[in-house]
Amino acid sequence: MNFVVVGAGAWGTAFALHLARTGHTVALVPRRPEQAQTIGAQRENAEYLPGVALPPALVVTPDLAAAVARAEVILLACPAQALRETSTRLRHALPSAGAERFVVSLAKGLESQTHARPSEVIASVLPGVLVGALTGPTNALGVARGEPSAMVLAANRPTTPLQDFQSAMSGRTLRIYTSDDLAGVEFGGCLKNIYAIAAGCCDGLKLGDNTKAALLTRALAEMVRVGVALGARPETFYGLSGFGDMVATCYGGWSRNREFGQRIGEGGTAADLLAHRRTVVEGYQTTESFAGLCAERHIDAPILREMQAILFAGKKPAAAIAALMTRELKREAPAVAAP
């Protein structure tokens, strides 16, 4: 197939590299022309994925219109808060007629003002286009190095056969599964970032394995409860985009969200930490979005509530842990009661 990856951060570069390695025609379109020129000349994304050589077959270009003219699949590898602007650029670049394209989000966050999922943002800018999301427990460097990994793909038309796209994106080192629960797939990818910040706070406080295991277990129960209340299916959260991605992000030393939480646990403030970052911490804005959704819809989400207090109201992580530990005692029950 003919693929275009829009956005040349670590993840966009790594996925473009994976696709090129499988033999597809692939164009990587960085946001900045000077970035495209540098990557193309050096055959390496030294800014975001240093030490990984790009194959000659991978085209790096700043010309979005030329890149998407024959594209069958367009992957948007940008932060959630930049997705609307990126989708608008894509709308202006796409030919007015031609074969239908599959536009796939690689973002893991909700849009701040609208609380919309990535696929909803894309669909609102590109009405009528087949839109999907690809997510799962994948670190960019691991995919670039060819470490065996797995992801899940879903689309906004449940009846669309995804097998051709599944087969095209899969390879010897990356296995793609499909799902017809787009909301669940996206919510899992968003929520896990919030819980990774919480896990990082535990690391920063040096609370140990007991605390972190308890947190992640209750976070999974909360993830299911929140996701189902927002229209997703419970079983989705026990798969790659929910439990799988949460484990990887909460324990991975590479995780930006976990590392951000660790620095907060060690005494840093969100404002200071964000002011000195080059990369995006998706879970930060997503925490406020989900906390707002839960408050509006009366969804019980105590971990989310405490994380919002830490990140946006200056609450100390130790005080948040204490608040969670002294809540009313309950019986452990399934995250979603059986019908």
C-alpha atoms as a PDB file:
ATOM      1  CA  MET A   1       0.000   0.000   0.000  1.00  0.00           C
ATOM      2  CA  ASN A   2       0.917   3.642  -0.262  1.00  0.00           C
ATOM      3  CA  PHE A   3       1.293   5.151   3.224  1.00  0.00           C
ATOM      4  CA  VAL A   4       1.865   8.697   4.457  1.00  0.00           C
ATOM      5  CA  VAL A   5       2.836   9.482   8.046  1.00  0.00           C
ATOM      6  CA  VAL A   6       2.190  13.100   9.023  1.00  0.00           C
ATOM      7  CA  GLY A   7       4.348  14.140  11.957  1.00  0.00           C
ATOM      8  CA  ALA A   8       7.996  13.227  12.507  1.00  0.00           C
ATOM      9  CA  GLY A   9       8.302  12.886  16.249  1.00  0.00           C
ATOM     10  CA  ALA A  10       9.712   9.666  17.659  1.00  0.00           C
ATOM     11  CA  TRP A  11       6.532   7.661  17.125  1.00  0.00           C
ATOM     12  CA  GLY A  12       5.745   8.939  13.634  1.00  0.00           C
ATOM     13  CA  THR A  13       9.324   8.272  12.536  1.00  0.00           C
ATOM     14  CA  ALA A  14       9.365   4.799  14.086  1.00  0.00           C
ATOM     15  CA  PHE A  15       6.097   3.756  12.464  1.00  0.00           C
ATOM     16  CA  ALA A  16       7.154   5.104   9.071  1.00  0.00           C
ATOM     17  CA  LEU A  17      10.355   3.099   9.438  1.00  0.00           C
ATOM     18  CA  HIS A  18       8.363  -0.039  10.276  1.00  0.00           C
ATOM     19  CA  LEU A  19       6.138   0.388   7.214  1.00  0.00           C
ATOM     20  CA  ALA A  20       9.113   0.968   4.929  1.00  0.00           C
ATOM     21  CA  ARG A  21      10.739  -2.146   6.327  1.00  0.00           C
ATOM     22  CA  THR A  22       7.691  -4.194   5.322  1.00  0.00           C
ATOM     23  CA  GLY A  23       8.082  -3.087   1.699  1.00  0.00           C
ATOM     24  CA  HIS A  24       5.396  -0.411   1.359  1.00  0.00           C
ATOM     25  CA  THR A  25       5.707   2.969  -0.327  1.00  0.00           C
ATOM     26  CA  VAL A  26       6.036   5.371   2.609  1.00  0.00           C
ATOM     27  CA  ALA A  27       6.387   9.146   2.900  1.00  0.00           C
ATOM     28  CA  LEU A  28       7.174  10.861   6.212  1.00  0.00           C
ATOM     29  CA  VAL A  29       5.962  14.475   6.377  1.00  0.00           C
ATOM     30  CA  PRO A  30       7.497  16.511   9.241  1.00  0.00           C
ATOM     31  CA  ARG A  31       5.684  19.578  10.518  1.00  0.00           C
ATOM     32  CA  ARG A  32       8.600  21.918   9.803  1.00  0.00           C
ATOM     33  CA  PRO A  33      10.302  22.144   6.366  1.00  0.00           C
ATOM     34  CA  GLU A  34      13.725  22.555   7.990  1.00  0.00           C
ATOM     35  CA  GLN A  35      13.138  19.362   9.968  1.00  0.00           C
ATOM     36  CA  ALA A  36      12.305  17.519   6.740  1.00  0.00           C
ATOM     37  CA  GLN A  37      15.481  18.795   5.124  1.00  0.00           C
ATOM     38  CA  THR A  38      17.652  17.757   8.077  1.00  0.00           C
ATOM     39  CA  ILE A  39      16.132  14.278   8.420  1.00  0.00           C
ATOM     40  CA  GLY A  40      16.307  13.709   4.681  1.00  0.00           C
ATOM     41  CA  ALA A  41      19.934  14.738   4.501  1.00  0.00           C
ATOM     42  CA  GLN A  42      21.126  12.873   7.600  1.00  0.00           C
ATOM     43  CA  ARG A  43      18.829   9.833   7.120  1.00  0.00           C
ATOM     44  CA  GLU A  44      18.242   9.987  10.858  1.00  0.00           C
ATOM     45  CA  ASN A  45      15.810  11.824  13.126  1.00  0.00           C
ATOM     46  CA  ALA A  46      18.512  12.940  15.539  1.00  0.00           C
ATOM     47  CA  GLU A  47      16.092  15.215  17.403  1.00  0.00           C
ATOM     48  CA  TYR A  48      13.531  12.577  18.388  1.00  0.00           C
ATOM     49  CA  LEU A  49      14.932   9.140  17.484  1.00  0.00           C
ATOM     50  CA  PRO A  50      18.725   9.421  17.558  1.00  0.00           C
ATOM     51  CA  GLY A  51      20.882   6.522  16.469  1.00  0.00           C
ATOM     52  CA  VAL A  52      18.247   4.907  14.222  1.00  0.00           C
ATOM     53  CA  ALA A  53      19.106   4.938  10.525  1.00  0.00           C
ATOM     54  CA  LEU A  54      16.292   5.493   8.040  1.00  0.00           C
ATOM     55  CA  PRO A  55      16.249   3.264   4.931  1.00  0.00           C
ATOM     56  CA  PRO A  56      16.731   4.899   1.511  1.00  0.00           C
ATOM     57  CA  ALA A  57      13.210   3.815   0.483  1.00  0.00           C
ATOM     58  CA  LEU A  58      11.611   6.037   3.143  1.00  0.00           C
ATOM     59  CA  VAL A  59      10.796   9.386   1.520  1.00  0.00           C
ATOM     60  CA  VAL A  60      11.019  12.446   3.779  1.00  0.00           C
ATOM     61  CA  THR A  61       9.234  15.493   2.393  1.00  0.00           C
ATOM     62  CA  PRO A  62       7.672  18.757   3.618  1.00  0.00           C
ATOM     63  CA  ASP A  63       5.150  18.711   0.722  1.00  0.00           C
ATOM     64  CA  LEU A  64       1.963  17.325   2.269  1.00  0.00           C
ATOM     65  CA  ALA A  65      -0.160  17.752  -0.875  1.00  0.00           C
ATOM     66  CA  ALA A  66       2.271  15.813  -3.056  1.00  0.00           C
ATOM     67  CA  ALA A  67       2.664  13.101  -0.418  1.00  0.00           C
ATOM     68  CA  VAL A  68      -1.065  12.427   0.015  1.00  0.00           C
ATOM     69  CA  ALA A  69      -1.988  12.632  -3.673  1.00  0.00           C
ATOM     70  CA  ARG A  70      -1.743   8.856  -4.086  1.00  0.00           C
ATOM     71  CA  ALA A  71      -1.906   7.794  -0.446  1.00  0.00           C
ATOM     72  CA  GLU A  72      -4.215   4.960   0.544  1.00  0.00           C
ATOM     73  CA  VAL A  73      -3.555   5.258   4.285  1.00  0.00           C
ATOM     74  CA  ILE A  74      -2.663   8.509   6.086  1.00  0.00           C
ATOM     75  CA  LEU A  75      -1.454   8.232   9.659  1.00  0.00           C
ATOM     76  CA  LEU A  76      -1.547  11.338  11.842  1.00  0.00           C
ATOM     77  CA  ALA A  77       1.294  11.138  14.350  1.00  0.00           C
ATOM     78  CA  CYS A  78       0.832  14.363  16.276  1.00  0.00           C
ATOM     79  CA  PRO A  79      -0.229  15.242  19.836  1.00  0.00           C
ATOM     80  CA  ALA A  80      -3.960  15.250  20.515  1.00  0.00           C
ATOM     81  CA  GLN A  81      -4.035  19.035  20.976  1.00  0.00           C
ATOM     82  CA  ALA A  82      -2.522  19.520  17.486  1.00  0.00           C
ATOM     83  CA  LEU A  83      -4.829  17.044  15.778  1.00  0.00           C
ATOM     84  CA  ARG A  84      -7.483  19.521  14.632  1.00  0.00           C
ATOM     85  CA  GLU A  85      -4.906  21.820  13.056  1.00  0.00           C
ATOM     86  CA  THR A  86      -3.153  18.864  11.406  1.00  0.00           C
ATOM     87  CA  SER A  87      -6.472  17.527  10.092  1.00  0.00           C
ATOM     88  CA  THR A  88      -7.285  20.955   8.671  1.00  0.00           C
ATOM     89  CA  ARG A  89      -3.950  21.044   6.835  1.00  0.00           C
ATOM     90  CA  LEU A  90      -4.718  17.589   5.506  1.00  0.00           C
ATOM     91  CA  ARG A  91      -8.173  18.660   4.296  1.00  0.00           C
ATOM     92  CA  HIS A  92      -6.624  21.481   2.265  1.00  0.00           C
ATOM     93  CA  ALA A  93      -3.955  19.141   0.886  1.00  0.00           C
ATOM     94  CA  LEU A  94      -6.230  16.300  -0.208  1.00  0.00           C
ATOM     95  CA  PRO A  95      -7.483  16.207  -3.808  1.00  0.00           C
ATOM     96  CA  SER A  96     -11.194  16.949  -4.098  1.00  0.00           C
ATOM     97  CA  ALA A  97     -11.787  13.661  -5.871  1.00  0.00           C
ATOM     98  CA  GLY A  98     -10.234  10.226  -6.026  1.00  0.00           C
ATOM     99  CA  ALA A  99     -10.115   6.974  -4.127  1.00  0.00           C
ATOM    100  CA  GLU A 100     -11.259   6.966  -0.516  1.00  0.00           C
ATOM    101  CA  ARG A 101      -8.453   7.165   1.992  1.00  0.00           C
ATOM    102  CA  PHE A 102      -8.153   5.711   5.457  1.00  0.00           C
ATOM    103  CA  VAL A 103      -7.055   8.387   7.941  1.00  0.00           C
ATOM    104  CA  VAL A 104      -5.684   6.853  11.143  1.00  0.00           C
ATOM    105  CA  SER A 105      -4.872   8.594  14.420  1.00  0.00           C
ATOM    106  CA  LEU A 106      -1.808   7.623  16.432  1.00  0.00           C
ATOM    107  CA  ALA A 107      -2.642  10.172  19.169  1.00  0.00           C
ATOM    108  CA  LYS A 108      -3.537   9.190  22.748  1.00  0.00           C
ATOM    109  CA  GLY A 109      -5.434  12.045  24.339  1.00  0.00           C
ATOM    110  CA  LEU A 110      -8.708  13.967  24.347  1.00  0.00           C
ATOM    111  CA  GLU A 111      -9.038  17.426  22.830  1.00  0.00           C
ATOM    112  CA  SER A 112      -9.051  19.877  25.730  1.00  0.00           C
ATOM    113  CA  GLN A 113     -11.983  22.151  24.911  1.00  0.00           C
ATOM    114  CA  THR A 114     -14.338  19.601  23.351  1.00  0.00           C
ATOM    115  CA  HIS A 115     -13.260  16.420  25.207  1.00  0.00           C
ATOM    116  CA  ALA A 116     -13.481  14.750  21.772  1.00  0.00           C
ATOM    117  CA  ARG A 117     -11.593  11.556  21.007  1.00  0.00           C
ATOM    118  CA  PRO A 118      -8.923  11.746  18.255  1.00  0.00           C
ATOM    119  CA  SER A 119     -11.110   9.998  15.671  1.00  0.00           C
ATOM    120  CA  GLU A 120     -13.989  12.368  16.462  1.00  0.00           C
ATOM    121  CA  VAL A 121     -11.735  15.371  15.883  1.00  0.00           C
ATOM    122  CA  ILE A 122     -10.563  14.005  12.519  1.00  0.00           C
ATOM    123  CA  ALA A 123     -14.109  13.085  11.446  1.00  0.00           C
ATOM    124  CA  SER A 124     -15.387  16.569  12.286  1.00  0.00           C
ATOM    125  CA  VAL A 125     -12.750  18.148  10.037  1.00  0.00           C
ATOM    126  CA  LEU A 126     -12.909  15.472   7.319  1.00  0.00           C
ATOM    127  CA  PRO A 127     -16.581  14.427   7.192  1.00  0.00           C
ATOM    128  CA  GLY A 128     -17.312  11.246   5.295  1.00  0.00           C
ATOM    129  CA  VAL A 129     -13.728   9.980   5.423  1.00  0.00           C
ATOM    130  CA  LEU A 130     -12.986   6.523   6.847  1.00  0.00           C
ATOM    131  CA  VAL A 131     -11.285   7.300  10.166  1.00  0.00           C
ATOM    132  CA  GLY A 132      -9.539   4.985  12.583  1.00  0.00           C
ATOM    133  CA  ALA A 133      -7.195   4.701  15.530  1.00  0.00           C
ATOM    134  CA  LEU A 134      -4.103   2.561  15.981  1.00  0.00           C
ATOM    135  CA  THR A 135      -2.895   2.127  19.530  1.00  0.00           C
ATOM    136  CA  GLY A 136      -1.325  -0.281  21.967  1.00  0.00           C
ATOM    137  CA  PRO A 137       1.661  -0.901  24.252  1.00  0.00           C
ATOM    138  CA  THR A 138       4.403   0.302  21.933  1.00  0.00           C
ATOM    139  CA  ASN A 139       7.502   2.353  22.612  1.00  0.00           C
ATOM    140  CA  ALA A 140       8.824   4.158  19.534  1.00  0.00           C
ATOM    141  CA  LEU A 141      12.414   3.013  19.948  1.00  0.00           C
ATOM    142  CA  GLY A 142      11.333  -0.594  20.430  1.00  0.00           C
ATOM    143  CA  VAL A 143       9.317  -0.553  17.202  1.00  0.00           C
ATOM    144  CA  ALA A 144      12.162   1.153  15.349  1.00  0.00           C
ATOM    145  CA  ARG A 145      14.588  -1.513  16.558  1.00  0.00           C
ATOM    146  CA  GLY A 146      12.232  -4.282  15.488  1.00  0.00           C
ATOM    147  CA  GLU A 147      11.393  -5.596  18.963  1.00  0.00           C
ATOM    148  CA  PRO A 148       8.276  -7.848  18.769  1.00  0.00           C
ATOM    149  CA  SER A 149       5.228  -5.690  19.533  1.00  0.00           C
ATOM    150  CA  ALA A 150       1.439  -5.708  19.113  1.00  0.00           C
ATOM    151  CA  MET A 151      -1.221  -3.050  18.497  1.00  0.00           C
ATOM    152  CA  VAL A 152      -4.953  -2.794  17.835  1.00  0.00           C
ATOM    153  CA  LEU A 153      -6.722  -1.042  14.944  1.00  0.00           C
ATOM    154  CA  ALA A 154     -10.327   0.205  14.932  1.00  0.00           C
ATOM    155  CA  ALA A 155     -12.413   2.353  12.564  1.00  0.00           C
ATOM    156  CA  ASN A 156     -15.466   4.613  12.752  1.00  0.00           C
ATOM    157  CA  ARG A 157     -17.486   2.331  10.482  1.00  0.00           C
ATOM    158  CA  PRO A 158     -17.869  -0.954  12.367  1.00  0.00           C
ATOM    159  CA  THR A 159     -18.876  -2.801   9.199  1.00  0.00           C
ATOM    160  CA  THR A 160     -15.667  -1.841   7.361  1.00  0.00           C
ATOM    161  CA  PRO A 161     -13.467  -4.884   6.767  1.00  0.00           C
ATOM    162  CA  LEU A 162     -10.105  -3.939   8.233  1.00  0.00           C
ATOM    163  CA  GLN A 163      -8.280  -7.103   7.229  1.00  0.00           C
ATOM    164  CA  ASP A 164      -6.467  -5.508   4.267  1.00  0.00           C
ATOM    165  CA  PHE A 165      -5.160  -2.676   6.445  1.00  0.00           C
ATOM    166  CA  GLN A 166      -4.371  -5.115   9.253  1.00  0.00           C
ATOM    167  CA  SER A 167      -2.334  -7.276   6.903  1.00  0.00           C
ATOM    168  CA  ALA A 168      -0.540  -4.318   5.339  1.00  0.00           C
ATOM    169  CA  MET A 169       0.508  -2.780   8.668  1.00  0.00           C
ATOM    170  CA  SER A 170       1.568  -6.059  10.252  1.00  0.00           C
ATOM    171  CA  GLY A 171       5.029  -7.528   9.834  1.00  0.00           C
ATOM    172  CA  ARG A 172       7.509  -9.922  11.348  1.00  0.00           C
ATOM    173  CA  THR A 173       8.018  -7.667  14.386  1.00  0.00           C
ATOM    174  CA  LEU A 174       4.651  -5.892  14.703  1.00  0.00           C
ATOM    175  CA  ARG A 175       1.353  -7.753  14.953  1.00  0.00           C
ATOM    176  CA  ILE A 176      -1.879  -5.797  14.401  1.00  0.00           C
ATOM    177  CA  TYR A 177      -5.218  -6.912  15.857  1.00  0.00           C
ATOM    178  CA  THR A 178      -8.576  -5.369  14.911  1.00  0.00           C
ATOM    179  CA  SER A 179     -11.489  -4.173  17.036  1.00  0.00           C
ATOM    180  CA  ASP A 180     -14.955  -2.805  16.310  1.00  0.00           C
ATOM    181  CA  ASP A 181     -14.997  -0.801  19.564  1.00  0.00           C
ATOM    182  CA  LEU A 182     -13.366   2.446  18.425  1.00  0.00           C
ATOM    183  CA  ALA A 183     -14.447   4.358  21.537  1.00  0.00           C
ATOM    184  CA  GLY A 184     -12.976   1.729  23.859  1.00  0.00           C
ATOM    185  CA  VAL A 185      -9.727   1.503  21.928  1.00  0.00           C
ATOM    186  CA  GLU A 186      -9.261   5.278  22.118  1.00  0.00           C
ATOM    187  CA  PHE A 187     -10.393   5.700  25.713  1.00  0.00           C
ATOM    188  CA  GLY A 188      -7.943   3.023  26.847  1.00  0.00           C
ATOM    189  CA  GLY A 189      -5.071   4.733  25.068  1.00  0.00           C
ATOM    190  CA  CYS A 190      -6.023   8.055  26.670  1.00  0.00           C
ATOM    191  CA  LEU A 191      -6.738   6.889  30.220  1.00  0.00           C
ATOM    192  CA  LYS A 192      -3.563   4.850  30.608  1.00  0.00           C
ATOM    193  CA  ASN A 193      -1.512   8.063  30.348  1.00  0.00           C
ATOM    194  CA  ILE A 194      -3.280   9.497  33.377  1.00  0.00           C
ATOM    195  CA  TYR A 195      -2.659   6.373  35.419  1.00  0.00           C
ATOM    196  CA  ALA A 196       0.971   6.349  34.263  1.00  0.00           C
ATOM    197  CA  ILE A 197       1.396   9.802  35.811  1.00  0.00           C
ATOM    198  CA  ALA A 198      -0.100   8.406  39.018  1.00  0.00           C
ATOM    199  CA  ALA A 199       2.288   5.433  38.878  1.00  0.00           C
ATOM    200  CA  GLY A 200       5.160   7.851  38.404  1.00  0.00           C
ATOM    201  CA  CYS A 201       4.076   9.748  41.507  1.00  0.00           C
ATOM    202  CA  CYS A 202       4.384   6.471  43.423  1.00  0.00           C
ATOM    203  CA  ASP A 203       7.899   6.031  42.035  1.00  0.00           C
ATOM    204  CA  GLY A 204       8.820   9.570  43.020  1.00  0.00           C
ATOM    205  CA  LEU A 205       7.532   8.983  46.539  1.00  0.00           C
ATOM    206  CA  LYS A 206       9.475   5.672  46.656  1.00  0.00           C
ATOM    207  CA  LEU A 207       6.382   3.803  47.825  1.00  0.00           C
ATOM    208  CA  GLY A 208       7.398   0.414  46.446  1.00  0.00           C
ATOM    209  CA  ASP A 209       5.773  -2.445  44.577  1.00  0.00           C
ATOM    210  CA  ASN A 210       2.827  -2.972  46.953  1.00  0.00           C
ATOM    211  CA  THR A 211       1.540   0.544  46.391  1.00  0.00           C
ATOM    212  CA  LYS A 212       2.072   0.518  42.641  1.00  0.00           C
ATOM    213  CA  ALA A 213       0.390  -2.869  42.201  1.00  0.00           C
ATOM    214  CA  ALA A 214      -2.627  -1.732  44.233  1.00  0.00           C
ATOM    215  CA  LEU A 215      -2.826   1.512  42.268  1.00  0.00           C
ATOM    216  CA  LEU A 216      -2.724  -0.204  38.872  1.00  0.00           C
ATOM    217  CA  THR A 217      -5.306  -2.796  39.874  1.00  0.00           C
ATOM    218  CA  ARG A 218      -7.753  -0.144  41.022  1.00  0.00           C
ATOM    219  CA  ALA A 219      -6.853   2.026  38.016  1.00  0.00           C
ATOM    220  CA  LEU A 220      -7.895  -0.789  35.683  1.00  0.00           C
ATOM    221  CA  ALA A 221     -11.226  -1.100  37.498  1.00  0.00           C
ATOM    222  CA  GLU A 222     -11.691   2.662  37.196  1.00  0.00           C
ATOM    223  CA  MET A 223     -10.691   2.625  33.514  1.00  0.00           C
ATOM    224  CA  VAL A 224     -13.387   0.062  32.772  1.00  0.00           C
ATOM    225  CA  ARG A 225     -16.001   1.930  34.804  1.00  0.00           C
ATOM    226  CA  VAL A 226     -15.260   5.272  33.129  1.00  0.00           C
ATOM    227  CA  GLY A 227     -14.992   3.814  29.634  1.00  0.00           C
ATOM    228  CA  VAL A 228     -18.240   1.853  29.856  1.00  0.00           C
ATOM    229  CA  ALA A 229     -20.080   4.895  31.215  1.00  0.00           C
ATOM    230  CA  LEU A 230     -18.853   6.803  28.151  1.00  0.00           C
ATOM    231  CA  GLY A 231     -20.111   4.175  25.700  1.00  0.00           C
ATOM    232  CA  ALA A 232     -17.256   1.667  25.325  1.00  0.00           C
ATOM    233  CA  ARG A 233     -17.357  -2.096  25.889  1.00  0.00           C
ATOM    234  CA  PRO A 234     -15.758  -3.485  29.064  1.00  0.00           C
ATOM    235  CA  GLU A 235     -13.783  -6.272  27.407  1.00  0.00           C
ATOM    236  CA  THR A 236     -11.828  -3.782  25.291  1.00  0.00           C
ATOM    237  CA  PHE A 237     -10.021  -2.470  28.358  1.00  0.00           C
ATOM    238  CA  TYR A 238      -8.595  -5.883  29.165  1.00  0.00           C
ATOM    239  CA  GLY A 239      -6.811  -5.900  25.807  1.00  0.00           C
ATOM    240  CA  LEU A 240      -3.858  -4.165  24.200  1.00  0.00           C
ATOM    241  CA  SER A 241      -5.225  -0.619  24.262  1.00  0.00           C
ATOM    242  CA  GLY A 242      -6.262  -0.793  27.918  1.00  0.00           C
ATOM    243  CA  PHE A 243      -4.460  -3.132  30.305  1.00  0.00           C
ATOM    244  CA  GLY A 244      -1.591  -3.798  27.892  1.00  0.00           C
ATOM    245  CA  ASP A 245      -0.804  -0.148  27.246  1.00  0.00           C
ATOM    246  CA  MET A 246      -1.245   0.735  30.914  1.00  0.00           C
ATOM    247  CA  VAL A 247       1.302  -1.868  32.048  1.00  0.00           C
ATOM    248  CA  ALA A 248       3.862  -0.714  29.480  1.00  0.00           C
ATOM    249  CA  THR A 249       3.403   2.987  30.219  1.00  0.00           C
ATOM    250  CA  CYS A 250       3.277   2.665  33.999  1.00  0.00           C
ATOM    251  CA  TYR A 251       6.464   0.596  34.197  1.00  0.00           C
ATOM    252  CA  GLY A 252       8.482   1.691  31.138  1.00  0.00           C
ATOM    253  CA  GLY A 253      11.539   3.747  31.919  1.00  0.00           C
ATOM    254  CA  TRP A 254      10.964   5.460  28.539  1.00  0.00           C
ATOM    255  CA  SER A 255       7.438   6.610  29.419  1.00  0.00           C
ATOM    256  CA  ARG A 256       7.105  10.402  29.343  1.00  0.00           C
ATOM    257  CA  ASN A 257       3.944  10.281  31.441  1.00  0.00           C
ATOM    258  CA  ARG A 258       5.447   8.014  34.107  1.00  0.00           C
ATOM    259  CA  GLU A 259       8.632  10.106  34.250  1.00  0.00           C
ATOM    260  CA  PHE A 260       6.568  13.306  34.527  1.00  0.00           C
ATOM    261  CA  GLY A 261       4.658  11.809  37.463  1.00  0.00           C
ATOM    262  CA  GLN A 262       7.892  10.702  39.104  1.00  0.00           C
ATOM    263  CA  ARG A 263       9.247  14.245  39.005  1.00  0.00           C
ATOM    264  CA  ILE A 264       6.023  15.509  40.587  1.00  0.00           C
ATOM    265  CA  GLY A 265       6.299  12.828  43.283  1.00  0.00           C
ATOM    266  CA  GLU A 266       9.820  14.048  43.952  1.00  0.00           C
ATOM    267  CA  GLY A 267       8.516  17.561  44.599  1.00  0.00           C
ATOM    268  CA  GLY A 268       8.332  19.220  41.186  1.00  0.00           C
ATOM    269  CA  THR A 269       5.341  21.210  39.979  1.00  0.00           C
ATOM    270  CA  ALA A 270       3.460  20.530  36.764  1.00  0.00           C
ATOM    271  CA  ALA A 271       3.951  24.084  35.492  1.00  0.00           C
ATOM    272  CA  ASP A 272       7.728  24.048  35.993  1.00  0.00           C
ATOM    273  CA  LEU A 273       8.155  20.575  34.522  1.00  0.00           C
ATOM    274  CA  LEU A 274       6.089  21.360  31.423  1.00  0.00           C
ATOM    275  CA  ALA A 275       7.893  24.657  30.837  1.00  0.00           C
ATOM    276  CA  HIS A 276      11.190  22.858  30.254  1.00  0.00           C
ATOM    277  CA  ARG A 277       9.965  19.978  28.082  1.00  0.00           C
ATOM    278  CA  ARG A 278      10.467  19.492  24.349  1.00  0.00           C
ATOM    279  CA  THR A 279       8.121  16.496  24.127  1.00  0.00           C
ATOM    280  CA  VAL A 280       4.411  16.388  24.990  1.00  0.00           C
ATOM    281  CA  VAL A 281       2.986  14.737  28.118  1.00  0.00           C
ATOM    282  CA  GLU A 282      -0.402  13.651  26.726  1.00  0.00           C
ATOM    283  CA  GLY A 283      -1.771  12.636  30.115  1.00  0.00           C
ATOM    284  CA  TYR A 284      -1.604  16.162  31.523  1.00  0.00           C
ATOM    285  CA  GLN A 285      -4.380  17.791  29.477  1.00  0.00           C
ATOM    286  CA  THR A 286      -6.212  14.485  29.233  1.00  0.00           C
ATOM    287  CA  THR A 287      -6.535  14.377  33.019  1.00  0.00           C
ATOM    288  CA  GLU A 288      -8.505  17.612  33.019  1.00  0.00           C
ATOM    289  CA  SER A 289     -10.673  16.451  30.123  1.00  0.00           C
ATOM    290  CA  PHE A 290     -11.625  13.154  31.753  1.00  0.00           C
ATOM    291  CA  ALA A 291     -12.141  14.758  35.155  1.00  0.00           C
ATOM    292  CA  GLY A 292     -14.555  17.180  33.497  1.00  0.00           C
ATOM    293  CA  LEU A 293     -16.406  14.383  31.712  1.00  0.00           C
ATOM    294  CA  CYS A 294     -16.695  12.362  34.901  1.00  0.00           C
ATOM    295  CA  ALA A 295     -18.004  15.347  36.851  1.00  0.00           C
ATOM    296  CA  GLU A 296     -20.562  16.167  34.136  1.00  0.00           C
ATOM    297  CA  ARG A 297     -21.834  12.589  33.942  1.00  0.00           C
ATOM    298  CA  HIS A 298     -21.524  11.720  37.642  1.00  0.00           C
ATOM    299  CA  ILE A 299     -19.025   8.915  37.059  1.00  0.00           C
ATOM    300  CA  ASP A 300     -17.179   7.745  40.159  1.00  0.00           C
ATOM    301  CA  ALA A 301     -13.457   8.083  39.388  1.00  0.00           C
ATOM    302  CA  PRO A 302     -11.468   8.775  42.574  1.00  0.00           C
ATOM    303  CA  ILE A 303      -8.007   8.249  41.060  1.00  0.00           C
ATOM    304  CA  LEU A 304      -8.805  10.625  38.210  1.00  0.00           C
ATOM    305  CA  ARG A 305     -10.171  13.125  40.700  1.00  0.00           C
ATOM    306  CA  GLU A 306      -7.018  13.016  42.820  1.00  0.00           C
ATOM    307  CA  MET A 307      -4.769  13.315  39.763  1.00  0.00           C
ATOM    308  CA  GLN A 308      -6.639  16.436  38.676  1.00  0.00           C
ATOM    309  CA  ALA A 309      -6.102  17.884  42.156  1.00  0.00           C
ATOM    310  CA  ILE A 310      -2.369  17.132  41.969  1.00  0.00           C
ATOM    311  CA  LEU A 311      -1.847  18.515  38.464  1.00  0.00           C
ATOM    312  CA  PHE A 312      -4.209  21.490  38.485  1.00  0.00           C
ATOM    313  CA  ALA A 313      -4.819  22.425  42.119  1.00  0.00           C
ATOM    314  CA  GLY A 314      -1.384  21.876  43.632  1.00  0.00           C
ATOM    315  CA  LYS A 315      -2.359  18.993  45.905  1.00  0.00           C
ATOM    316  CA  LYS A 316       0.615  17.040  47.244  1.00  0.00           C
ATOM    317  CA  PRO A 317       0.869  13.476  45.896  1.00  0.00           C
ATOM    318  CA  ALA A 318       1.257  12.104  49.428  1.00  0.00           C
ATOM    319  CA  ALA A 319      -2.007  13.788  50.436  1.00  0.00           C
ATOM    320  CA  ALA A 320      -3.742  12.312  47.392  1.00  0.00           C
ATOM    321  CA  ILE A 321      -2.525   8.815  48.332  1.00  0.00           C
ATOM    322  CA  ALA A 322      -3.783   9.344  51.854  1.00  0.00           C
ATOM    323  CA  ALA A 323      -7.190  10.434  50.522  1.00  0.00           C
ATOM    324  CA  LEU A 324      -7.454   7.298  48.410  1.00  0.00           C
ATOM    325  CA  MET A 325      -6.399   5.039  51.280  1.00  0.00           C
ATOM    326  CA  THR A 326      -8.950   6.477  53.727  1.00  0.00           C
ATOM    327  CA  ARG A 327     -12.007   6.292  51.493  1.00  0.00           C
ATOM    328  CA  GLU A 328     -14.995   4.277  52.635  1.00  0.00           C
ATOM    329  CA  LEU A 329     -14.128   0.584  52.785  1.00  0.00           C
ATOM    330  CA  LYS A 330     -15.778  -1.570  50.125  1.00  0.00           C
ATOM    331  CA  ARG A 331     -16.088  -5.115  48.850  1.00  0.00           C
ATOM    332  CA  GLU A 332     -14.023  -5.873  45.764  1.00  0.00           C
ATOM    333  CA  ALA A 333     -16.394  -6.454  42.883  1.00  0.00           C
ATOM    334  CA  PRO A 334     -16.097  -6.817  39.098  1.00  0.00           C
ATOM    335  CA  ALA A 335     -15.344  -3.533  37.373  1.00  0.00           C
ATOM    336  CA  VAL A 336     -18.664  -3.846  35.562  1.00  0.00           C
ATOM    337  CA  ALA A 337     -21.383  -5.984  37.069  1.00  0.00           C
ATOM    338  CA  ALA A 338     -22.516  -8.942  34.998  1.00  0.00           C
ATOM    339  CA  PRO A 339     -25.928  -8.497  33.325  1.00  0.00           C
END
